[in-house]
Amino acid sequence: MLERGNSYSYRSSRRYVPTTALQPASSTDINLILHRNLVRILIFSLVKHLMIRTFRTLSRKNISTIMTTTMKAAVIYQAGGPEVFKIEQLPIPTPNPGQVLIQVKAFGLNRSELFTRQGHSPGVKFPRVLGIEATGIVASCPGNEFSKGDVVVSAMGGMGRDFDGGYAEYTCVSATNVQVIKTELPWEVLGAMPEMLQTSWGALFKALRLCQGERLLIRGGTSSIGLAAAAIARNRGAFVVSTSRRADREAFLKESGANEVLVDDGTVAGKIGEKFDRVLELIGTTTLKDSLMCVKEGGSVCMAGIVGNKWTFDEFSPMEAIPMAVNLTTYSGGPDEFMATPLEELAKQVKEGKLKIQVGKVFKLDEIVEAHRVMEENSAGGKIVVLT
């Protein structure tokens, strides 16, 4: 029996509920409900924000882990044309005590790498990451010979031949074959320097023993080493004559350091007038005999390049080809010669504008195929540099 004064509504659940429960709430109750809902919304938004932030942080860490364990590299599996290069992801090498892991920022291209790619280096086993030089920063050095973050350069010592070299984002080399260079030069300039200046400096002063006031002939003057050698020799007070197959390169060669320019059709001995104290032979076997005829008694010829792409003589008789009292020597350089090259001092001269080096074309690592094509065509107009 229902008590008087109470009314009930009938719900589908067949339960009787007092109608007072359905009466409108007071303003205080409404404010309380709104406050609680607002708090719930704020808490939900905060939790959502924290979850998204945590997810992004974890994603970055995962990506970072991937980036610090693998690297991009240009690999060749067989000899051939420029197209044999394959851009791949490889494990970053782990340095042992006595080694340095370099994060490569730039590297220069060299003719020896072209010859290796073509199959003219039988001692090199494929697959291989080429590159006989590298410029970058120290990523790891277990023996503490260098500090992390040091700007360093390395060249020779088996790089790109006995072990994977500089055509990669990282390379691992002996600590005894690394120089620190304190400089603010951009990577495309610094990357042009190691092998180019090592060869130029070594050929001029270790092999030829060039002195102030001497006359120097550079065969292959428009090559990167020829351009660097002209600038270095001119700074040392030598009189420099550079050769080129093209007459329109005269202004360019003089701008790079040459006092005079000779158009080289393969024979210049009959055009020189006064003979030279020293000759730097960069074209190679195709012009060496003629270069030997350009030197005065007591002078020297140094063969330090093979721009002519011919490794051997068809015929060579030393008794006939080498004039009396003329010296013939060579220069290729190695780890000792690289470490003896004053690269930091030369970098300082470049920075101050006292030494001009010619950077030809600059490529990215992904463009290594095109970079090698340009080197093969001899069309760069200076040192080819690749940035990673």
Protein backbone atom coordinates (compact mmCIF):
# COMPACT_ATOMS: atom_id res chain seq x y z
CA MET A 1 0.00 0.00 0.00
CA LEU A 2 1.40 3.39 -0.94
CA GLU A 3 1.80 6.12 1.57
CA ARG A 4 0.05 9.39 0.92
CA GLY A 5 2.19 12.25 -0.20
CA ASN A 6 4.57 10.15 -2.21
CA SER A 7 4.18 9.75 -5.91
CA TYR A 8 5.99 7.16 -7.97
CA SER A 9 6.81 6.77 -11.61
CA TYR A 10 6.93 3.49 -13.41
CA ARG A 11 10.19 2.59 -15.25
CA SER A 12 10.78 -0.14 -17.71
CA SER A 13 12.83 -1.99 -15.14
CA ARG A 14 9.56 -2.49 -13.28
CA ARG A 15 11.02 -0.77 -10.22
CA TYR A 16 9.17 2.08 -8.55
CA VAL A 17 11.32 5.18 -8.18
CA PRO A 18 10.35 8.27 -6.25
CA THR A 19 9.69 11.13 -8.65
CA THR A 20 11.66 13.41 -6.36
CA ALA A 21 14.80 11.78 -7.82
CA LEU A 22 13.92 13.21 -11.19
CA GLN A 23 13.36 16.74 -10.09
CA PRO A 24 15.71 19.46 -11.45
CA ALA A 25 18.97 19.87 -9.53
CA SER A 26 19.85 23.09 -7.80
CA SER A 27 22.38 25.59 -9.26
CA THR A 28 24.91 24.43 -6.68
CA ASP A 29 24.58 20.86 -7.87
CA ILE A 30 24.97 21.95 -11.50
CA ASN A 31 28.15 23.88 -10.72
CA LEU A 32 29.54 20.90 -8.87
CA ILE A 33 28.80 18.61 -11.80
CA LEU A 34 30.38 21.04 -14.28
CA HIS A 35 33.46 21.39 -12.08
CA ARG A 36 33.87 17.64 -11.84
CA ASN A 37 33.49 17.23 -15.61
CA LEU A 38 36.00 19.99 -16.26
CA VAL A 39 38.49 18.33 -13.94
CA ARG A 40 37.97 15.03 -15.77
CA ILE A 41 38.55 16.72 -19.14
CA LEU A 42 41.73 18.41 -17.92
CA ILE A 43 43.07 15.17 -16.47
CA PHE A 44 42.27 13.32 -19.69
CA SER A 45 44.00 15.99 -21.79
CA LEU A 46 47.07 15.93 -19.55
CA VAL A 47 47.33 12.15 -19.68
CA LYS A 48 46.89 12.20 -23.46
CA HIS A 49 49.62 14.84 -23.82
CA LEU A 50 52.00 12.87 -21.61
CA MET A 51 51.34 9.67 -23.55
CA ILE A 52 51.98 11.36 -26.90
CA ARG A 53 55.15 12.98 -25.59
CA THR A 54 56.40 9.68 -24.18
CA PHE A 55 55.67 7.92 -27.48
CA ARG A 56 57.56 10.54 -29.47
CA THR A 57 60.53 10.37 -27.10
CA LEU A 58 60.67 6.59 -27.37
CA SER A 59 60.41 6.86 -31.16
CA ARG A 60 63.32 9.30 -31.27
CA LYS A 61 65.38 6.98 -29.09
CA ASN A 62 64.62 4.05 -31.36
CA ILE A 63 65.54 6.09 -34.46
CA SER A 64 68.67 7.33 -32.71
CA THR A 65 69.62 3.75 -31.88
CA ILE A 66 69.24 2.78 -35.53
CA MET A 67 71.28 5.77 -36.66
CA THR A 68 74.11 5.04 -34.25
CA THR A 69 74.43 1.40 -35.27
CA THR A 70 74.22 1.68 -39.06
CA MET A 71 75.68 4.02 -41.65
CA LYS A 72 75.30 4.87 -45.30
CA ALA A 73 78.19 3.71 -47.50
CA ALA A 74 79.08 3.40 -51.20
CA VAL A 75 80.00 -0.23 -51.81
CA ILE A 76 81.37 -1.94 -54.90
CA TYR A 77 81.13 -5.70 -55.42
CA GLN A 78 83.06 -5.92 -58.67
CA ALA A 79 85.25 -3.82 -60.93
CA GLY A 80 83.59 -1.74 -63.61
CA GLY A 81 82.29 1.70 -64.51
CA PRO A 82 80.92 4.32 -62.13
CA GLU A 83 77.58 2.51 -62.03
CA VAL A 84 79.05 -0.35 -59.93
CA PHE A 85 78.67 1.76 -56.78
CA LYS A 86 75.76 0.73 -54.55
CA ILE A 87 74.53 2.93 -51.69
CA GLU A 88 73.82 0.61 -48.76
CA GLN A 89 73.33 0.59 -45.00
CA LEU A 90 76.23 -1.09 -43.20
CA PRO A 91 77.07 -1.56 -39.52
CA ILE A 92 79.18 1.25 -38.11
CA PRO A 93 82.66 -0.20 -37.41
CA THR A 94 83.71 -0.58 -33.78
CA PRO A 95 87.16 0.87 -32.99
CA ASN A 96 89.68 -1.12 -30.96
CA PRO A 97 92.31 0.48 -28.71
CA GLY A 98 94.74 2.29 -31.01
CA GLN A 99 92.02 3.09 -33.53
CA VAL A 100 89.79 6.09 -34.16
CA LEU A 101 86.20 6.04 -35.37
CA ILE A 102 85.70 9.10 -37.59
CA GLN A 103 82.29 10.48 -38.45
CA VAL A 104 83.07 11.39 -42.04
CA LYS A 105 81.88 14.82 -43.11
CA ALA A 106 83.69 15.02 -46.45
CA PHE A 107 86.22 13.24 -48.63
CA GLY A 108 88.05 14.01 -51.85
CA LEU A 109 88.11 11.76 -54.90
CA ASN A 110 91.46 10.43 -56.11
CA ARG A 111 92.72 8.83 -59.31
CA SER A 112 93.89 5.74 -57.42
CA GLU A 113 90.27 5.10 -56.44
CA LEU A 114 89.24 5.32 -60.08
CA PHE A 115 91.91 2.76 -61.00
CA THR A 116 90.81 0.47 -58.15
CA ARG A 117 87.21 0.72 -59.31
CA GLN A 118 88.31 -0.17 -62.84
CA GLY A 119 90.07 -3.29 -61.57
CA HIS A 120 93.69 -2.15 -61.76
CA SER A 121 94.44 -2.86 -58.08
CA PRO A 122 94.75 -6.66 -57.86
CA GLY A 123 95.45 -6.53 -54.13
CA VAL A 124 92.01 -5.07 -53.38
CA LYS A 125 89.32 -7.61 -52.58
CA PHE A 126 85.63 -6.91 -53.21
CA PRO A 127 83.16 -6.04 -51.79
CA ARG A 128 84.90 -2.88 -50.64
CA VAL A 129 84.13 0.66 -49.54
CA LEU A 130 86.70 2.76 -51.41
CA GLY A 131 88.28 6.00 -50.25
CA ILE A 132 91.93 6.60 -49.35
CA GLU A 133 91.12 9.73 -47.32
CA ALA A 134 88.51 11.12 -44.95
CA THR A 135 87.75 14.35 -43.13
CA GLY A 136 85.41 14.59 -40.17
CA ILE A 137 85.11 14.52 -36.41
CA VAL A 138 86.16 11.95 -33.82
CA ALA A 139 83.17 9.82 -32.84
CA SER A 140 85.05 7.37 -30.62
CA CYS A 141 88.65 6.79 -29.57
CA PRO A 142 89.11 3.98 -27.01
CA GLY A 143 92.80 4.78 -26.47
CA ASN A 144 92.10 8.48 -25.80
CA GLU A 145 94.66 9.61 -28.37
CA PHE A 146 92.04 12.13 -29.48
CA SER A 147 89.00 13.75 -27.91
CA LYS A 148 85.46 13.17 -29.09
CA GLY A 149 84.50 16.00 -31.42
CA ASP A 150 88.05 16.79 -32.63
CA VAL A 151 88.19 17.84 -36.28
CA VAL A 152 90.53 15.34 -37.93
CA VAL A 153 91.82 14.16 -41.30
CA SER A 154 93.23 10.81 -42.35
CA ALA A 155 94.68 9.38 -45.54
CA MET A 156 96.54 6.36 -46.86
CA GLY A 157 97.53 3.56 -44.48
CA GLY A 158 95.45 0.98 -46.35
CA MET A 159 92.20 2.96 -46.36
CA GLY A 160 89.84 1.81 -49.08
CA ARG A 161 92.21 -0.98 -50.05
CA ASP A 162 93.06 -3.24 -47.11
CA PHE A 163 89.96 -2.15 -45.18
CA ASP A 164 86.86 -0.06 -45.86
CA GLY A 165 87.68 3.59 -46.45
CA GLY A 166 86.17 7.03 -46.59
CA TYR A 167 83.19 6.56 -48.96
CA ALA A 168 80.88 6.25 -45.95
CA GLU A 169 79.38 8.15 -43.04
CA TYR A 170 81.91 6.53 -40.68
CA THR A 171 85.34 4.98 -41.06
CA CYS A 172 87.70 3.36 -38.58
CA VAL A 173 91.44 4.05 -38.93
CA SER A 174 94.68 3.74 -37.00
CA ALA A 175 95.23 6.53 -34.46
CA THR A 176 98.79 6.86 -35.78
CA ASN A 177 97.39 7.95 -39.15
CA VAL A 178 95.21 10.85 -37.99
CA GLN A 179 95.92 14.58 -37.78
CA VAL A 180 93.91 17.09 -35.78
CA ILE A 181 93.19 20.33 -37.63
CA LYS A 182 91.93 23.29 -35.65
CA THR A 183 90.17 25.31 -38.31
CA GLU A 184 86.87 26.90 -39.25
CA LEU A 185 87.19 26.07 -42.94
CA PRO A 186 83.98 24.64 -44.46
CA TRP A 187 83.87 20.90 -45.00
CA GLU A 188 83.98 21.18 -48.80
CA VAL A 189 87.33 22.99 -48.54
CA LEU A 190 88.78 20.93 -45.70
CA GLY A 191 87.65 17.75 -47.43
CA ALA A 192 89.72 18.64 -50.50
CA MET A 193 92.96 18.91 -48.58
CA PRO A 194 94.36 15.64 -47.10
CA GLU A 195 95.56 13.60 -50.06
CA MET A 196 95.88 16.50 -52.49
CA LEU A 197 98.16 18.53 -50.23
CA GLN A 198 100.01 15.47 -48.95
CA THR A 199 100.96 14.50 -52.51
CA SER A 200 101.73 18.06 -53.62
CA TRP A 201 103.84 18.86 -50.56
CA GLY A 202 105.65 15.52 -50.54
CA ALA A 203 106.44 15.53 -54.26
CA LEU A 204 107.77 19.09 -54.16
CA PHE A 205 109.82 19.02 -50.98
CA LYS A 206 110.57 15.39 -50.18
CA ALA A 207 111.07 13.97 -53.68
CA LEU A 208 112.13 17.01 -55.75
CA ARG A 209 113.64 19.01 -52.86
CA LEU A 210 112.42 22.22 -54.47
CA CYS A 211 114.18 25.38 -53.28
CA GLN A 212 113.38 29.07 -53.46
CA GLY A 213 114.27 30.65 -56.80
CA GLU A 214 114.24 27.40 -58.77
CA ARG A 215 112.32 26.87 -62.00
CA LEU A 216 109.56 24.26 -61.79
CA LEU A 217 107.62 22.69 -64.67
CA ILE A 218 104.31 21.01 -63.81
CA ARG A 219 103.04 18.56 -66.45
CA GLY A 220 99.30 18.13 -65.94
CA GLY A 221 98.82 21.54 -64.42
CA THR A 222 95.00 21.50 -64.39
CA SER A 223 94.80 18.36 -62.23
CA SER A 224 93.93 18.96 -58.58
CA ILE A 225 97.47 18.10 -57.50
CA GLY A 226 98.94 20.25 -60.25
CA LEU A 227 96.88 23.23 -59.13
CA ALA A 228 97.81 22.75 -55.47
CA ALA A 229 101.49 22.22 -56.31
CA ALA A 230 101.60 25.45 -58.31
CA ALA A 231 100.15 27.42 -55.41
CA ILE A 232 102.48 25.86 -52.83
CA ALA A 233 105.60 26.22 -55.00
CA ARG A 234 104.79 29.83 -55.85
CA ASN A 235 104.43 30.59 -52.13
CA ARG A 236 107.89 29.10 -51.61
CA GLY A 237 109.41 31.46 -54.14
CA ALA A 238 109.74 29.11 -57.12
CA PHE A 239 109.11 30.16 -60.71
CA VAL A 240 106.26 27.94 -61.89
CA VAL A 241 105.34 26.94 -65.43
CA SER A 242 102.24 24.76 -65.76
CA THR A 243 101.04 22.87 -68.81
CA SER A 244 97.58 22.23 -70.20
CA ARG A 245 96.24 20.72 -73.38
CA ARG A 246 93.90 23.70 -73.73
CA ALA A 247 95.01 27.26 -74.43
CA ASP A 248 91.87 28.65 -72.81
CA ARG A 249 93.07 27.42 -69.39
CA GLU A 250 95.88 29.96 -69.21
CA ALA A 251 94.04 32.51 -67.05
CA PHE A 252 92.79 29.79 -64.72
CA LEU A 253 96.27 28.34 -64.24
CA LYS A 254 97.84 31.73 -63.59
CA GLU A 255 95.12 32.51 -61.08
CA SER A 256 96.02 29.25 -59.33
CA GLY A 257 99.71 30.11 -59.02
CA ALA A 258 101.49 29.54 -62.33
CA ASN A 259 103.81 32.27 -63.61
CA GLU A 260 103.57 31.00 -67.17
CA VAL A 261 101.52 28.43 -69.08
CA LEU A 262 102.50 26.08 -71.91
CA VAL A 263 100.03 24.38 -74.22
CA ASP A 264 100.91 20.68 -74.00
CA ASP A 265 100.40 18.52 -77.07
CA GLY A 266 102.54 15.75 -75.60
CA THR A 267 105.86 17.38 -76.49
CA VAL A 268 107.03 20.58 -74.80
CA ALA A 269 110.81 20.06 -74.65
CA GLY A 270 111.26 22.05 -77.85
CA LYS A 271 109.16 24.98 -76.56
CA ILE A 272 110.70 25.75 -73.19
CA GLY A 273 113.85 27.72 -73.99
CA GLU A 274 115.65 27.64 -70.63
CA LYS A 275 115.57 24.22 -69.00
CA PHE A 276 114.09 23.59 -65.57
CA ASP A 277 115.58 22.69 -62.22
CA ARG A 278 112.63 20.44 -61.35
CA VAL A 279 109.74 18.81 -63.20
CA LEU A 280 106.64 17.45 -61.52
CA GLU A 281 105.25 14.80 -63.88
CA LEU A 282 101.55 14.20 -63.27
CA ILE A 283 100.45 12.98 -66.71
CA GLY A 284 102.58 9.86 -66.42
CA THR A 285 104.25 7.45 -68.78
CA THR A 286 102.91 9.11 -71.93
CA THR A 287 104.94 12.30 -71.36
CA LEU A 288 107.73 11.20 -69.01
CA LYS A 289 110.38 10.82 -71.70
CA ASP A 290 109.68 14.33 -72.94
CA SER A 291 109.79 15.70 -69.38
CA LEU A 292 113.24 14.20 -68.87
CA MET A 293 114.45 16.33 -71.78
CA CYS A 294 113.20 19.50 -70.06
CA VAL A 295 115.60 19.30 -67.10
CA LYS A 296 119.05 20.83 -66.77
CA GLU A 297 122.03 18.86 -65.46
CA GLY A 298 121.66 18.19 -61.76
CA GLY A 299 117.91 18.62 -61.99
CA SER A 300 115.17 16.13 -61.15
CA VAL A 301 111.93 14.75 -62.51
CA CYS A 302 109.36 13.32 -60.12
CA MET A 303 106.59 11.11 -61.46
CA ALA A 304 103.68 11.45 -59.02
CA GLY A 305 100.57 10.93 -61.13
CA ILE A 306 99.02 9.05 -64.01
CA VAL A 307 96.43 11.48 -65.36
CA GLY A 308 97.14 10.02 -68.80
CA ASN A 309 95.61 6.71 -67.62
CA LYS A 310 98.51 4.65 -68.98
CA TRP A 311 100.41 2.66 -66.37
CA THR A 312 103.30 1.18 -68.33
CA PHE A 313 105.73 2.08 -71.11
CA ASP A 314 105.56 0.44 -74.49
CA GLU A 315 109.33 0.82 -74.59
CA PHE A 316 111.66 2.39 -72.05
CA SER A 317 115.44 2.27 -72.10
CA PRO A 318 116.86 4.17 -69.10
CA MET A 319 120.26 4.59 -70.77
CA GLU A 320 118.60 6.35 -73.70
CA ALA A 321 115.69 8.10 -72.00
CA ILE A 322 117.41 9.62 -68.96
CA PRO A 323 119.93 12.37 -69.83
CA MET A 324 123.28 12.39 -68.09
CA ALA A 325 123.22 13.95 -64.60
CA VAL A 326 119.41 14.12 -64.54
CA ASN A 327 117.61 12.41 -61.68
CA LEU A 328 114.36 10.46 -62.00
CA THR A 329 112.33 9.75 -58.89
CA THR A 330 108.75 9.02 -57.88
CA TYR A 331 106.36 9.93 -55.11
CA SER A 332 103.27 8.10 -53.92
CA GLY A 333 103.33 8.75 -50.19
CA GLY A 334 102.23 6.62 -47.25
CA PRO A 335 101.29 7.02 -43.59
CA ASP A 336 104.67 8.49 -42.61
CA GLU A 337 104.57 11.03 -45.43
CA PHE A 338 100.97 11.91 -44.61
CA MET A 339 101.78 12.54 -40.97
CA ALA A 340 104.81 14.65 -41.97
CA THR A 341 102.64 16.98 -44.09
CA PRO A 342 101.92 20.21 -42.16
CA LEU A 343 98.20 20.14 -42.92
CA GLU A 344 97.15 22.40 -40.05
CA GLU A 345 99.62 25.07 -41.15
CA LEU A 346 98.46 24.72 -44.75
CA ALA A 347 94.84 25.00 -43.61
CA LYS A 348 95.76 28.20 -41.81
CA GLN A 349 97.29 29.58 -45.01
CA VAL A 350 94.12 28.67 -46.91
CA LYS A 351 91.97 30.38 -44.28
CA GLU A 352 94.13 33.53 -44.44
CA GLY A 353 94.02 33.59 -48.24
CA LYS A 354 97.76 32.98 -48.56
CA LEU A 355 97.29 29.58 -50.21
CA LYS A 356 94.59 29.09 -52.81
CA ILE A 357 93.27 25.62 -53.45
CA GLN A 358 90.81 24.86 -56.21
CA VAL A 359 87.69 22.94 -55.26
CA GLY A 360 86.12 21.78 -58.50
CA LYS A 361 82.71 20.18 -57.99
CA VAL A 362 80.96 19.14 -54.79
CA PHE A 363 78.63 16.13 -54.59
CA LYS A 364 76.59 14.26 -51.99
CA LEU A 365 77.38 10.65 -51.10
CA ASP A 366 74.22 9.56 -52.94
CA GLU A 367 75.75 11.14 -56.08
CA ILE A 368 78.96 9.09 -56.01
CA VAL A 369 78.24 7.56 -59.44
CA GLU A 370 78.06 10.99 -61.07
CA ALA A 371 81.10 12.17 -59.11
CA HIS A 372 83.18 9.31 -60.52
CA ARG A 373 81.93 10.05 -64.03
CA VAL A 374 83.15 13.63 -63.69
CA MET A 375 86.54 12.44 -62.40
CA GLU A 376 86.86 10.02 -65.30
CA GLU A 377 86.09 12.83 -67.76
CA ASN A 378 88.66 15.19 -66.15
CA SER A 379 86.02 17.91 -66.22
CA ALA A 380 85.91 19.07 -62.59
CA GLY A 381 88.32 22.02 -62.82
CA GLY A 382 89.75 21.25 -59.39
CA LYS A 383 89.44 18.76 -56.57
CA ILE A 384 86.18 16.80 -56.45
CA VAL A 385 84.73 16.68 -52.94
CA VAL A 386 81.90 14.53 -51.63
CA LEU A 387 79.89 15.55 -48.57
CA THR A 388 78.18 12.90 -46.47
